[in-house]
């Protein structure tokens, strides 16, 4: 076999080995991701949220959060208004 052909074969073998290692690494990452999905799904079920309804549950929680913050802001504004007369007397 000529040196050129031998080099081509060596290069092809290296490429194959690299591809094999890449596939193995990606399979490991896929397996880890699948395990993570199972863990998140189990946690959702544990918290009473159907995994396939997670988007709806998140939107509902965001709405509740926004309403709670708005209420809190209103209450702070009201408290500041009630404190204003006392702060003016201190000046």
C-alpha atoms as a PDB file:
ATOM      1  CA  UNK A   1       0.000   0.000   0.000  1.00  0.00           C
ATOM      2  CA  UNK A   2       1.364   3.432  -0.867  1.00  0.00           C
ATOM      3  CA  UNK A   3       2.035   6.024   1.806  1.00  0.00           C
ATOM      4  CA  UNK A   4      -0.787   8.143   0.440  1.00  0.00           C
ATOM      5  CA  UNK A   5      -3.332   5.326   0.712  1.00  0.00           C
ATOM      6  CA  UNK A   6      -2.047   4.380   4.151  1.00  0.00           C
ATOM      7  CA  UNK A   7      -2.442   8.004   5.300  1.00  0.00           C
ATOM      8  CA  UNK A   8      -5.982   8.133   3.911  1.00  0.00           C
ATOM      9  CA  UNK A   9      -6.858   4.961   5.830  1.00  0.00           C
ATOM     10  CA  UNK A  10      -5.342   6.328   9.057  1.00  0.00           C
ATOM     11  CA  UNK A  11      -7.248   9.581   8.636  1.00  0.00           C
ATOM     12  CA  UNK A  12     -10.499   7.711   8.020  1.00  0.00           C
ATOM     13  CA  UNK A  13      -9.953   5.563  11.123  1.00  0.00           C
ATOM     14  CA  UNK A  14      -9.308   8.673  13.230  1.00  0.00           C
ATOM     15  CA  UNK A  15     -12.469  10.296  11.899  1.00  0.00           C
ATOM     16  CA  UNK A  16     -14.454   7.135  12.662  1.00  0.00           C
ATOM     17  CA  UNK A  17     -13.057   6.990  16.199  1.00  0.00           C
ATOM     18  CA  UNK A  18     -13.865  10.656  16.743  1.00  0.00           C
ATOM     19  CA  UNK A  19     -17.397  10.122  15.453  1.00  0.00           C
ATOM     20  CA  UNK A  20     -17.828   7.101  17.740  1.00  0.00           C
ATOM     21  CA  UNK A  21     -16.680   9.109  20.775  1.00  0.00           C
ATOM     22  CA  UNK A  22     -19.001  11.951  19.816  1.00  0.00           C
ATOM     23  CA  UNK A  23     -21.962   9.577  19.540  1.00  0.00           C
ATOM     24  CA  UNK A  24     -21.158   8.064  22.938  1.00  0.00           C
ATOM     25  CA  UNK A  25     -20.841  11.499  24.540  1.00  0.00           C
ATOM     26  CA  UNK A  26     -24.120  12.639  22.987  1.00  0.00           C
ATOM     27  CA  UNK A  27     -25.871   9.462  24.098  1.00  0.00           C
ATOM     28  CA  UNK A  28     -24.693  10.167  27.645  1.00  0.00           C
ATOM     29  CA  UNK A  29     -26.000  13.723  27.458  1.00  0.00           C
ATOM     30  CA  UNK A  30     -29.319  12.483  26.046  1.00  0.00           C
ATOM     31  CA  UNK A  31     -29.643   9.946  28.842  1.00  0.00           C
ATOM     32  CA  UNK A  32     -28.909  12.614  31.463  1.00  0.00           C
ATOM     33  CA  UNK A  33     -31.461  14.957  29.875  1.00  0.00           C
ATOM     34  CA  UNK A  34     -34.086  12.205  29.831  1.00  0.00           C
ATOM     35  CA  UNK A  35     -33.412  11.532  33.510  1.00  0.00           C
ATOM     36  CA  UNK A  36     -33.790  15.248  34.233  1.00  0.00           C
ATOM     37  CA  UNK A  37     -37.133  15.308  32.400  1.00  0.00           C
ATOM     38  CA  UNK A  38     -38.364  12.349  34.431  1.00  0.00           C
ATOM     39  CA  UNK A  39     -37.267  14.082  37.625  1.00  0.00           C
ATOM     40  CA  UNK A  40     -39.048  17.333  36.699  1.00  0.00           C
ATOM     41  CA  UNK A  41     -42.186  15.438  35.695  1.00  0.00           C
ATOM     42  CA  UNK A  42     -42.158  13.555  39.007  1.00  0.00           C
ATOM     43  CA  UNK A  43     -41.760  16.827  40.910  1.00  0.00           C
ATOM     44  CA  UNK A  44     -44.658  18.333  38.961  1.00  0.00           C
ATOM     45  CA  UNK A  45     -46.896  15.394  39.834  1.00  0.00           C
ATOM     46  CA  UNK A  46     -45.753  15.622  43.455  1.00  0.00           C
ATOM     47  CA  UNK A  47     -46.835  19.269  43.506  1.00  0.00           C
ATOM     48  CA  UNK A  48     -50.173  18.476  41.907  1.00  0.00           C
ATOM     49  CA  UNK A  49     -49.400  19.858  38.449  1.00  0.00           C
ATOM     50  CA  UNK A  50     -49.839  17.667  35.404  1.00  0.00           C
ATOM     51  CA  UNK A  51     -46.576  17.805  33.418  1.00  0.00           C
ATOM     52  CA  UNK A  52     -48.457  18.333  30.165  1.00  0.00           C
ATOM     53  CA  UNK A  53     -50.278  21.304  31.742  1.00  0.00           C
ATOM     54  CA  UNK A  54     -47.113  22.985  33.016  1.00  0.00           C
ATOM     55  CA  UNK A  55     -47.362  25.974  30.653  1.00  0.00           C
ATOM     56  CA  UNK A  56     -50.908  26.698  31.817  1.00  0.00           C
ATOM     57  CA  UNK A  57     -49.869  26.342  35.462  1.00  0.00           C
ATOM     58  CA  UNK A  58     -46.971  28.751  34.941  1.00  0.00           C
ATOM     59  CA  UNK A  59     -49.257  31.317  33.309  1.00  0.00           C
ATOM     60  CA  UNK A  60     -51.725  30.959  36.176  1.00  0.00           C
ATOM     61  CA  UNK A  61     -48.960  31.455  38.736  1.00  0.00           C
ATOM     62  CA  UNK A  62     -47.614  34.478  36.848  1.00  0.00           C
ATOM     63  CA  UNK A  63     -51.108  35.999  36.928  1.00  0.00           C
ATOM     64  CA  UNK A  64     -51.428  35.356  40.656  1.00  0.00           C
ATOM     65  CA  UNK A  65     -47.963  36.844  41.220  1.00  0.00           C
ATOM     66  CA  UNK A  66     -48.802  39.985  39.222  1.00  0.00           C
ATOM     67  CA  UNK A  67     -52.048  40.453  41.157  1.00  0.00           C
ATOM     68  CA  UNK A  68     -50.266  39.952  44.488  1.00  0.00           C
ATOM     69  CA  UNK A  69     -47.554  42.488  43.620  1.00  0.00           C
ATOM     70  CA  UNK A  70     -50.170  44.996  42.453  1.00  0.00           C
ATOM     71  CA  UNK A  71     -52.073  44.566  45.726  1.00  0.00           C
ATOM     72  CA  UNK A  72     -48.850  44.929  47.706  1.00  0.00           C
ATOM     73  CA  UNK A  73     -47.925  48.101  45.827  1.00  0.00           C
ATOM     74  CA  UNK A  74     -51.403  49.539  46.491  1.00  0.00           C
ATOM     75  CA  UNK A  75     -51.134  48.732  50.178  1.00  0.00           C
ATOM     76  CA  UNK A  76     -47.694  50.352  50.390  1.00  0.00           C
ATOM     77  CA  UNK A  77     -49.019  53.466  48.641  1.00  0.00           C
ATOM     78  CA  UNK A  78     -51.926  53.609  51.096  1.00  0.00           C
ATOM     79  CA  UNK A  79     -49.566  53.184  54.062  1.00  0.00           C
ATOM     80  CA  UNK A  80     -47.288  55.926  52.747  1.00  0.00           C
ATOM     81  CA  UNK A  81     -50.321  58.196  52.418  1.00  0.00           C
ATOM     82  CA  UNK A  82     -51.330  57.518  56.012  1.00  0.00           C
ATOM     83  CA  UNK A  83     -47.783  58.206  57.233  1.00  0.00           C
ATOM     84  CA  UNK A  84     -47.397  61.441  55.252  1.00  0.00           C
ATOM     85  CA  UNK A  85     -49.121  63.699  57.813  1.00  0.00           C
ATOM     86  CA  UNK A  86     -46.817  62.492  60.561  1.00  0.00           C
ATOM     87  CA  UNK A  87     -43.722  63.025  58.466  1.00  0.00           C
ATOM     88  CA  UNK A  88     -44.762  66.585  57.579  1.00  0.00           C
ATOM     89  CA  UNK A  89     -45.007  67.522  61.266  1.00  0.00           C
ATOM     90  CA  UNK A  90     -41.434  66.381  61.896  1.00  0.00           C
ATOM     91  CA  UNK A  91     -39.950  68.778  59.319  1.00  0.00           C
END
